[in-house]
PDB file of N, CA and C in Angstrom:
ATOM      1  N   MET A   1     137.801  24.491  93.187  1.00  0.00           N
ATOM      2  CA  MET A   1     137.126  25.611  93.812  1.00  0.00           C
ATOM      3  C   MET A   1     137.814  25.906  95.127  1.00  0.00           C
ATOM      4  N   GLY A   2     138.284  27.108  95.274  1.00  0.00           N
ATOM      5  CA  GLY A   2     139.040  27.467  96.450  1.00  0.00           C
ATOM      6  C   GLY A   2     138.205  27.833  97.658  1.00  0.00           C
ATOM      7  N   HIS A   3     137.410  28.887  97.563  1.00  0.00           N
ATOM      8  CA  HIS A   3     136.730  29.411  98.739  1.00  0.00           C
ATOM      9  C   HIS A   3     135.221  29.258  98.625  1.00  0.00           C
ATOM     10  N   VAL A   4     134.635  28.720  99.691  1.00  0.00           N
ATOM     11  CA  VAL A   4     133.184  28.604  99.811  1.00  0.00           C
ATOM     12  C   VAL A   4     132.815  29.399 101.055  1.00  0.00           C
ATOM     13  N   ILE A   5     132.005  30.441 100.861  1.00  0.00           N
ATOM     14  CA  ILE A   5     131.744  31.405 101.923  1.00  0.00           C
ATOM     15  C   ILE A   5     130.240  31.531 102.162  1.00  0.00           C
ATOM     16  N   PRO A   6     129.788  31.472 103.419  1.00  0.00           N
ATOM     17  CA  PRO A   6     128.370  31.737 103.703  1.00  0.00           C
ATOM     18  C   PRO A   6     128.024  33.187 103.343  1.00  0.00           C
ATOM     19  N   ALA A   7     126.805  33.410 102.902  1.00  0.00           N
ATOM     20  CA  ALA A   7     126.372  34.743 102.472  1.00  0.00           C
ATOM     21  C   ALA A   7     126.565  35.788 103.574  1.00  0.00           C
ATOM     22  N   SER A   8     126.315  35.404 104.829  1.00  0.00           N
ATOM     23  CA  SER A   8     126.474  36.359 105.933  1.00  0.00           C
ATOM     24  C   SER A   8     127.928  36.818 106.051  1.00  0.00           C
ATOM     25  N   GLU A   9     128.867  35.881 105.905  1.00  0.00           N
ATOM     26  CA  GLU A   9     130.298  36.214 105.947  1.00  0.00           C
ATOM     27  C   GLU A   9     130.673  37.076 104.734  1.00  0.00           C
ATOM     28  N   PHE A  10     130.122  36.736 103.591  1.00  0.00           N
ATOM     29  CA  PHE A  10     130.394  37.477 102.351  1.00  0.00           C
ATOM     30  C   PHE A  10     129.973  38.936 102.494  1.00  0.00           C
ATOM     31  N   THR A  11     128.794  39.178 103.039  1.00  0.00           N
ATOM     32  CA  THR A  11     128.323  40.561 103.175  1.00  0.00           C
ATOM     33  C   THR A  11     129.123  41.338 104.223  1.00  0.00           C
ATOM     34  N   ARG A  12     129.533  40.666 105.300  1.00  0.00           N
ATOM     35  CA  ARG A  12     130.316  41.360 106.334  1.00  0.00           C
ATOM     36  C   ARG A  12     131.709  41.746 105.846  1.00  0.00           C
ATOM     37  N   ASN A  13     132.278  40.940 104.968  1.00  0.00           N
ATOM     38  CA  ASN A  13     133.655  41.159 104.513  1.00  0.00           C
ATOM     39  C   ASN A  13     133.729  41.263 102.994  1.00  0.00           C
ATOM     40  N   PHE A  14     132.812  42.034 102.425  1.00  0.00           N
ATOM     41  CA  PHE A  14     132.720  42.139 100.974  1.00  0.00           C
ATOM     42  C   PHE A  14     134.046  42.553 100.338  1.00  0.00           C
ATOM     43  N   GLY A  15     134.715  43.523 100.892  1.00  0.00           N
ATOM     44  CA  GLY A  15     135.980  44.011 100.335  1.00  0.00           C
ATOM     45  C   GLY A  15     137.029  42.917 100.230  1.00  0.00           C
ATOM     46  N   ARG A  16     137.105  42.093 101.251  1.00  0.00           N
ATOM     47  CA  ARG A  16     138.069  40.985 101.241  1.00  0.00           C
ATOM     48  C   ARG A  16     137.776  40.030 100.095  1.00  0.00           C
ATOM     49  N   TYR A  17     136.511  39.663  99.927  1.00  0.00           N
ATOM     50  CA  TYR A  17     136.151  38.703  98.884  1.00  0.00           C
ATOM     51  C   TYR A  17     136.170  39.330  97.494  1.00  0.00           C
ATOM     52  N   GLN A  18     135.991  40.625  97.453  1.00  0.00           N
ATOM     53  CA  GLN A  18     136.127  41.335  96.179  1.00  0.00           C
ATOM     54  C   GLN A  18     137.563  41.212  95.666  1.00  0.00           C
ATOM     55  N   MET A  19     138.517  41.356  96.540  1.00  0.00           N
ATOM     56  CA  MET A  19     139.926  41.215  96.164  1.00  0.00           C
ATOM     57  C   MET A  19     140.254  39.753  95.838  1.00  0.00           C
ATOM     58  N   LEU A  20     139.736  38.828  96.635  1.00  0.00           N
ATOM     59  CA  LEU A  20     139.994  37.412  96.411  1.00  0.00           C
ATOM     60  C   LEU A  20     139.432  36.963  95.062  1.00  0.00           C
ATOM     61  N   ALA A  21     138.287  37.492  94.682  1.00  0.00           N
ATOM     62  CA  ALA A  21     137.651  37.105  93.418  1.00  0.00           C
ATOM     63  C   ALA A  21     138.477  37.527  92.207  1.00  0.00           C
ATOM     64  N   GLN A  22     139.397  38.444  92.378  1.00  0.00           N
ATOM     65  CA  GLN A  22     140.279  38.829  91.277  1.00  0.00           C
ATOM     66  C   GLN A  22     141.250  37.700  90.943  1.00  0.00           C
ATOM     67  N   ARG A  23     141.473  36.799  91.897  1.00  0.00           N
ATOM     68  CA  ARG A  23     142.404  35.684  91.699  1.00  0.00           C
ATOM     69  C   ARG A  23     141.694  34.360  91.440  1.00  0.00           C
ATOM     70  N   GLU A  24     140.527  34.162  92.073  1.00  0.00           N
ATOM     71  CA  GLU A  24     139.805  32.899  91.922  1.00  0.00           C
ATOM     72  C   GLU A  24     138.335  33.108  92.283  1.00  0.00           C
ATOM     73  N   PRO A  25     137.442  32.282  91.730  1.00  0.00           N
ATOM     74  CA  PRO A  25     136.014  32.420  92.055  1.00  0.00           C
ATOM     75  C   PRO A  25     135.754  32.158  93.535  1.00  0.00           C
ATOM     76  N   VAL A  26     134.764  32.839  94.061  1.00  0.00           N
ATOM     77  CA  VAL A  26     134.338  32.651  95.448  1.00  0.00           C
ATOM     78  C   VAL A  26     132.897  32.152  95.408  1.00  0.00           C
ATOM     79  N   ALA A  27     132.663  30.940  95.916  1.00  0.00           N
ATOM     80  CA  ALA A  27     131.304  30.399  95.986  1.00  0.00           C
ATOM     81  C   ALA A  27     130.618  30.992  97.206  1.00  0.00           C
ATOM     82  N   VAL A  28     129.395  31.483  97.023  1.00  0.00           N
ATOM     83  CA  VAL A  28     128.620  32.066  98.120  1.00  0.00           C
ATOM     84  C   VAL A  28     127.461  31.109  98.408  1.00  0.00           C
ATOM     85  N   THR A  29     127.326  30.726  99.684  1.00  0.00           N
ATOM     86  CA  THR A  29     126.297  29.766 100.068  1.00  0.00           C
ATOM     87  C   THR A  29     125.244  30.407 100.961  1.00  0.00           C
ATOM     88  N   SER A  30     124.079  29.786 100.951  1.00  0.00           N
ATOM     89  CA  SER A  30     123.006  30.167 101.864  1.00  0.00           C
ATOM     90  C   SER A  30     122.362  28.877 102.352  1.00  0.00           C
ATOM     91  N   HIS A  31     122.343  28.691 103.655  1.00  0.00           N
ATOM     92  CA  HIS A  31     121.793  27.470 104.260  1.00  0.00           C
ATOM     93  C   HIS A  31     122.461  26.220 103.690  1.00  0.00           C
ATOM     94  N   GLY A  32     123.770  26.309 103.479  1.00  0.00           N
ATOM     95  CA  GLY A  32     124.544  25.163 103.036  1.00  0.00           C
ATOM     96  C   GLY A  32     124.499  24.866 101.538  1.00  0.00           C
ATOM     97  N   ARG A  33     123.785  25.675 100.773  1.00  0.00           N
ATOM     98  CA  ARG A  33     123.695  25.456  99.322  1.00  0.00           C
ATOM     99  C   ARG A  33     124.330  26.619  98.583  1.00  0.00           C
ATOM    100  N   THR A  34     125.106  26.316  97.560  1.00  0.00           N
ATOM    101  CA  THR A  34     125.728  27.371  96.757  1.00  0.00           C
ATOM    102  C   THR A  34     124.637  28.111  95.988  1.00  0.00           C
ATOM    103  N   THR A  35     124.607  29.422  96.180  1.00  0.00           N
ATOM    104  CA  THR A  35     123.595  30.241  95.508  1.00  0.00           C
ATOM    105  C   THR A  35     124.186  31.080  94.390  1.00  0.00           C
ATOM    106  N   GLY A  36     125.506  31.198  94.345  1.00  0.00           N
ATOM    107  CA  GLY A  36     126.148  31.969  93.289  1.00  0.00           C
ATOM    108  C   GLY A  36     127.648  31.990  93.469  1.00  0.00           C
ATOM    109  N   TYR A  37     128.279  32.609  92.490  1.00  0.00           N
ATOM    110  CA  TYR A  37     129.735  32.742  92.511  1.00  0.00           C
ATOM    111  C   TYR A  37     130.092  34.201  92.290  1.00  0.00           C
ATOM    112  N   PHE A  38     131.078  34.664  93.008  1.00  0.00           N
ATOM    113  CA  PHE A  38     131.591  36.014  92.832  1.00  0.00           C
ATOM    114  C   PHE A  38     132.902  35.863  92.075  1.00  0.00           C
ATOM    115  N   ILE A  39     132.963  36.458  90.875  1.00  0.00           N
ATOM    116  CA  ILE A  39     134.146  36.310  90.022  1.00  0.00           C
ATOM    117  C   ILE A  39     134.600  37.673  89.532  1.00  0.00           C
ATOM    118  N   ALA A  40     135.818  37.717  89.034  1.00  0.00           N
ATOM    119  CA  ALA A  40     136.380  38.952  88.494  1.00  0.00           C
ATOM    120  C   ALA A  40     135.610  39.362  87.242  1.00  0.00           C
ATOM    121  N   ALA A  41     135.539  40.653  87.001  1.00  0.00           N
ATOM    122  CA  ALA A  41     134.820  41.177  85.840  1.00  0.00           C
ATOM    123  C   ALA A  41     135.374  40.615  84.532  1.00  0.00           C
ATOM    124  N   ASP A  42     136.682  40.487  84.421  1.00  0.00           N
ATOM    125  CA  ASP A  42     137.290  39.927  83.201  1.00  0.00           C
ATOM    126  C   ASP A  42     136.845  38.483  82.972  1.00  0.00           C
ATOM    127  N   ASP A  43     136.751  37.706  84.047  1.00  0.00           N
ATOM    128  CA  ASP A  43     136.299  36.322  83.928  1.00  0.00           C
ATOM    129  C   ASP A  43     134.850  36.275  83.452  1.00  0.00           C
ATOM    130  N   TYR A  44     134.027  37.184  83.964  1.00  0.00           N
ATOM    131  CA  TYR A  44     132.627  37.225  83.552  1.00  0.00           C
ATOM    132  C   TYR A  44     132.504  37.612  82.081  1.00  0.00           C
ATOM    133  N   GLU A  45     133.285  38.582  81.648  1.00  0.00           N
ATOM    134  CA  GLU A  45     133.264  38.987  80.231  1.00  0.00           C
ATOM    135  C   GLU A  45     133.708  37.832  79.343  1.00  0.00           C
ATOM    136  N   ASP A  46     134.725  37.080  79.757  1.00  0.00           N
ATOM    137  CA  ASP A  46     135.158  35.899  79.005  1.00  0.00           C
ATOM    138  C   ASP A  46     134.027  34.881  78.915  1.00  0.00           C
ATOM    139  N   PHE A  47     133.342  34.672  80.028  1.00  0.00           N
ATOM    140  CA  PHE A  47     132.229  33.730  80.050  1.00  0.00           C
ATOM    141  C   PHE A  47     131.122  34.172  79.092  1.00  0.00           C
ATOM    142  N   LYS A  48     130.788  35.457  79.113  1.00  0.00           N
ATOM    143  CA  LYS A  48     129.734  35.944  78.222  1.00  0.00           C
ATOM    144  C   LYS A  48     130.103  35.741  76.757  1.00  0.00           C
ATOM    145  N   ARG A  49     131.363  36.021  76.401  1.00  0.00           N
ATOM    146  CA  ARG A  49     131.801  35.806  75.016  1.00  0.00           C
ATOM    147  C   ARG A  49     131.701  34.328  74.643  1.00  0.00           C
ATOM    148  N   PHE A  50     132.122  33.460  75.547  1.00  0.00           N
ATOM    149  CA  PHE A  50     132.028  32.023  75.302  1.00  0.00           C
ATOM    150  C   PHE A  50     130.576  31.593  75.128  1.00  0.00           C
ATOM    151  N   ARG A  51     129.728  32.033  76.040  1.00  0.00           N
ATOM    152  CA  ARG A  51     128.310  31.660  75.983  1.00  0.00           C
ATOM    153  C   ARG A  51     127.675  32.137  74.683  1.00  0.00           C
ATOM    154  N   ASP A  52     127.955  33.356  74.291  1.00  0.00           N
ATOM    155  CA  ASP A  52     127.371  33.909  73.077  1.00  0.00           C
ATOM    156  C   ASP A  52     127.882  33.220  71.819  1.00  0.00           C
ATOM    157  N   SER A  53     129.103  32.692  71.877  1.00  0.00           N
ATOM    158  CA  SER A  53     129.665  32.016  70.707  1.00  0.00           C
ATOM    159  C   SER A  53     129.097  30.609  70.546  1.00  0.00           C
ATOM    160  N   ARG A  54     128.408  30.104  71.550  1.00  0.00           N
ATOM    161  CA  ARG A  54     127.902  28.735  71.525  1.00  0.00           C
ATOM    162  C   ARG A  54     126.398  28.693  71.282  1.00  0.00           C
ATOM    163  N   ARG A  55     125.890  29.642  70.532  1.00  0.00           N
ATOM    164  CA  ARG A  55     124.467  29.699  70.253  1.00  0.00           C
ATOM    165  C   ARG A  55     124.026  28.470  69.470  1.00  0.00           C
ATOM    166  N   SER A  56     122.909  27.900  69.860  1.00  0.00           N
ATOM    167  CA  SER A  56     122.339  26.793  69.098  1.00  0.00           C
ATOM    168  C   SER A  56     121.086  27.297  68.388  1.00  0.00           C
ATOM    169  N   PHE A  57     120.708  26.609  67.344  1.00  0.00           N
ATOM    170  CA  PHE A  57     119.540  27.039  66.583  1.00  0.00           C
ATOM    171  C   PHE A  57     118.953  25.844  65.848  1.00  0.00           C
ATOM    172  N   ALA A  58     117.741  25.998  65.398  1.00  0.00           N
ATOM    173  CA  ALA A  58     117.087  24.949  64.626  1.00  0.00           C
ATOM    174  C   ALA A  58     117.572  25.035  63.187  1.00  0.00           C
ATOM    175  N   THR A  59     117.695  23.883  62.547  1.00  0.00           N
ATOM    176  CA  THR A  59     118.151  23.892  61.151  1.00  0.00           C
ATOM    177  C   THR A  59     117.186  24.658  60.254  1.00  0.00           C
ATOM    178  N   ALA A  60     115.938  24.749  60.658  1.00  0.00           N
ATOM    179  CA  ALA A  60     114.957  25.509  59.871  1.00  0.00           C
ATOM    180  C   ALA A  60     115.308  26.996  59.828  1.00  0.00           C
ATOM    181  N   GLU A  61     116.116  27.463  60.773  1.00  0.00           N
ATOM    182  CA  GLU A  61     116.527  28.868  60.805  1.00  0.00           C
ATOM    183  C   GLU A  61     117.637  29.184  59.807  1.00  0.00           C
ATOM    184  N   LEU A  62     118.271  28.152  59.244  1.00  0.00           N
ATOM    185  CA  LEU A  62     119.370  28.365  58.302  1.00  0.00           C
ATOM    186  C   LEU A  62     118.865  28.960  56.999  1.00  0.00           C
ATOM    187  N   SER A  63     119.646  29.845  56.455  1.00  0.00           N
ATOM    188  CA  SER A  63     119.328  30.345  55.121  1.00  0.00           C
ATOM    189  C   SER A  63     119.558  29.211  54.122  1.00  0.00           C
ATOM    190  N   GLU A  64     118.937  29.311  52.962  1.00  0.00           N
ATOM    191  CA  GLU A  64     119.121  28.273  51.939  1.00  0.00           C
ATOM    192  C   GLU A  64     120.587  28.185  51.536  1.00  0.00           C
ATOM    193  N   GLU A  65     121.244  29.322  51.477  1.00  0.00           N
ATOM    194  CA  GLU A  65     122.664  29.348  51.102  1.00  0.00           C
ATOM    195  C   GLU A  65     123.514  28.553  52.092  1.00  0.00           C
ATOM    196  N   LYS A  66     123.282  28.768  53.396  1.00  0.00           N
ATOM    197  CA  LYS A  66     124.052  28.044  54.414  1.00  0.00           C
ATOM    198  C   LYS A  66     123.713  26.558  54.407  1.00  0.00           C
ATOM    199  N   ALA A  67     122.440  26.216  54.239  1.00  0.00           N
ATOM    200  CA  ALA A  67     122.041  24.809  54.185  1.00  0.00           C
ATOM    201  C   ALA A  67     122.714  24.112  53.003  1.00  0.00           C
ATOM    202  N   ASN A  68     122.772  24.781  51.856  1.00  0.00           N
ATOM    203  CA  ASN A  68     123.431  24.202  50.680  1.00  0.00           C
ATOM    204  C   ASN A  68     124.934  24.049  50.917  1.00  0.00           C
ATOM    205  N   ALA A  69     125.541  25.025  51.581  1.00  0.00           N
ATOM    206  CA  ALA A  69     126.973  24.950  51.866  1.00  0.00           C
ATOM    207  C   ALA A  69     127.283  23.764  52.781  1.00  0.00           C
ATOM    208  N   ILE A  70     126.428  23.543  53.760  1.00  0.00           N
ATOM    209  CA  ILE A  70     126.632  22.405  54.664  1.00  0.00           C
ATOM    210  C   ILE A  70     126.451  21.099  53.900  1.00  0.00           C
ATOM    211  N   SER A  71     125.437  21.037  53.055  1.00  0.00           N
ATOM    212  CA  SER A  71     125.183  19.821  52.263  1.00  0.00           C
ATOM    213  C   SER A  71     126.349  19.499  51.332  1.00  0.00           C
ATOM    214  N   ALA A  72     126.993  20.526  50.820  1.00  0.00           N
ATOM    215  CA  ALA A  72     128.087  20.324  49.873  1.00  0.00           C
ATOM    216  C   ALA A  72     129.423  20.047  50.559  1.00  0.00           C
ATOM    217  N   SER A  73     129.479  20.249  51.854  1.00  0.00           N
ATOM    218  CA  SER A  73     130.756  20.071  52.551  1.00  0.00           C
ATOM    219  C   SER A  73     131.111  18.595  52.655  1.00  0.00           C
ATOM    220  N   ARG A  74     132.402  18.330  52.753  1.00  0.00           N
ATOM    221  CA  ARG A  74     132.909  16.959  52.852  1.00  0.00           C
ATOM    222  C   ARG A  74     133.918  16.885  53.987  1.00  0.00           C
ATOM    223  N   MET A  75     133.959  15.725  54.596  1.00  0.00           N
ATOM    224  CA  MET A  75     134.886  15.490  55.696  1.00  0.00           C
ATOM    225  C   MET A  75     136.308  15.405  55.148  1.00  0.00           C
ATOM    226  N   ASP A  76     137.247  15.891  55.915  1.00  0.00           N
ATOM    227  CA  ASP A  76     138.650  15.808  55.544  1.00  0.00           C
ATOM    228  C   ASP A  76     139.046  14.343  55.406  1.00  0.00           C
ATOM    229  N   ALA A  77     139.817  14.023  54.393  1.00  0.00           N
ATOM    230  CA  ALA A  77     140.220  12.634  54.107  1.00  0.00           C
ATOM    231  C   ALA A  77     140.941  11.982  55.286  1.00  0.00           C
ATOM    232  N   ARG A  78     141.574  12.766  56.135  1.00  0.00           N
ATOM    233  CA  ARG A  78     142.267  12.201  57.300  1.00  0.00           C
ATOM    234  C   ARG A  78     141.316  11.474  58.247  1.00  0.00           C
ATOM    235  N   HIS A  79     140.021  11.756  58.135  1.00  0.00           N
ATOM    236  CA  HIS A  79     139.042  11.165  59.038  1.00  0.00           C
ATOM    237  C   HIS A  79     138.196  10.092  58.371  1.00  0.00           C
ATOM    238  N   ALA A  80     138.592   9.662  57.192  1.00  0.00           N
ATOM    239  CA  ALA A  80     137.823   8.663  56.443  1.00  0.00           C
ATOM    240  C   ALA A  80     137.647   7.367  57.236  1.00  0.00           C
ATOM    241  N   HIS A  81     138.595   7.027  58.083  1.00  0.00           N
ATOM    242  CA  HIS A  81     138.479   5.790  58.881  1.00  0.00           C
ATOM    243  C   HIS A  81     137.249   5.801  59.789  1.00  0.00           C
ATOM    244  N   LEU A  82     136.707   6.967  60.069  1.00  0.00           N
ATOM    245  CA  LEU A  82     135.531   7.051  60.930  1.00  0.00           C
ATOM    246  C   LEU A  82     134.280   6.546  60.216  1.00  0.00           C
ATOM    247  N   ASP A  83     134.295   6.532  58.886  1.00  0.00           N
ATOM    248  CA  ASP A  83     133.148   6.026  58.140  1.00  0.00           C
ATOM    249  C   ASP A  83     132.846   4.577  58.507  1.00  0.00           C
ATOM    250  N   ALA A  84     133.872   3.809  58.826  1.00  0.00           N
ATOM    251  CA  ALA A  84     133.686   2.413  59.177  1.00  0.00           C
ATOM    252  C   ALA A  84     132.805   2.271  60.433  1.00  0.00           C
ATOM    253  N   MET A  85     132.848   3.256  61.293  1.00  0.00           N
ATOM    254  CA  MET A  85     132.026   3.204  62.502  1.00  0.00           C
ATOM    255  C   MET A  85     130.542   3.292  62.174  1.00  0.00           C
ATOM    256  N   LEU A  86     130.202   3.921  61.058  1.00  0.00           N
ATOM    257  CA  LEU A  86     128.804   4.028  60.666  1.00  0.00           C
ATOM    258  C   LEU A  86     128.244   2.695  60.195  1.00  0.00           C
ATOM    259  N   ASP A  87     129.100   1.822  59.743  1.00  0.00           N
ATOM    260  CA  ASP A  87     128.670   0.522  59.225  1.00  0.00           C
ATOM    261  C   ASP A  87     128.473  -0.503  60.335  1.00  0.00           C
ATOM    262  N   GLU A  88     128.927  -0.205  61.533  1.00  0.00           N
ATOM    263  CA  GLU A  88     128.847  -1.176  62.633  1.00  0.00           C
ATOM    264  C   GLU A  88     127.454  -1.263  63.193  1.00  0.00           C
TER     265      GLU A  88
END
């Protein structure tokens, strides 16, 4: 993390930190605690795509077709040595 800036400094020099955020995140603090980060729009869009791709769900939400596909799947033979760990 490169720059940690108090909120008062951030508001006084917003343009400067707007340009800096295009190169690296800027941590904004209030009373010595980080309250947020100012980042480039492209970085935020990348983060949103990553976050959305990592959705978790309950197995009860799976369709029967997907549940059957998972049940029928098998581990690649290259990883068969890992089965021994289950016996320990």
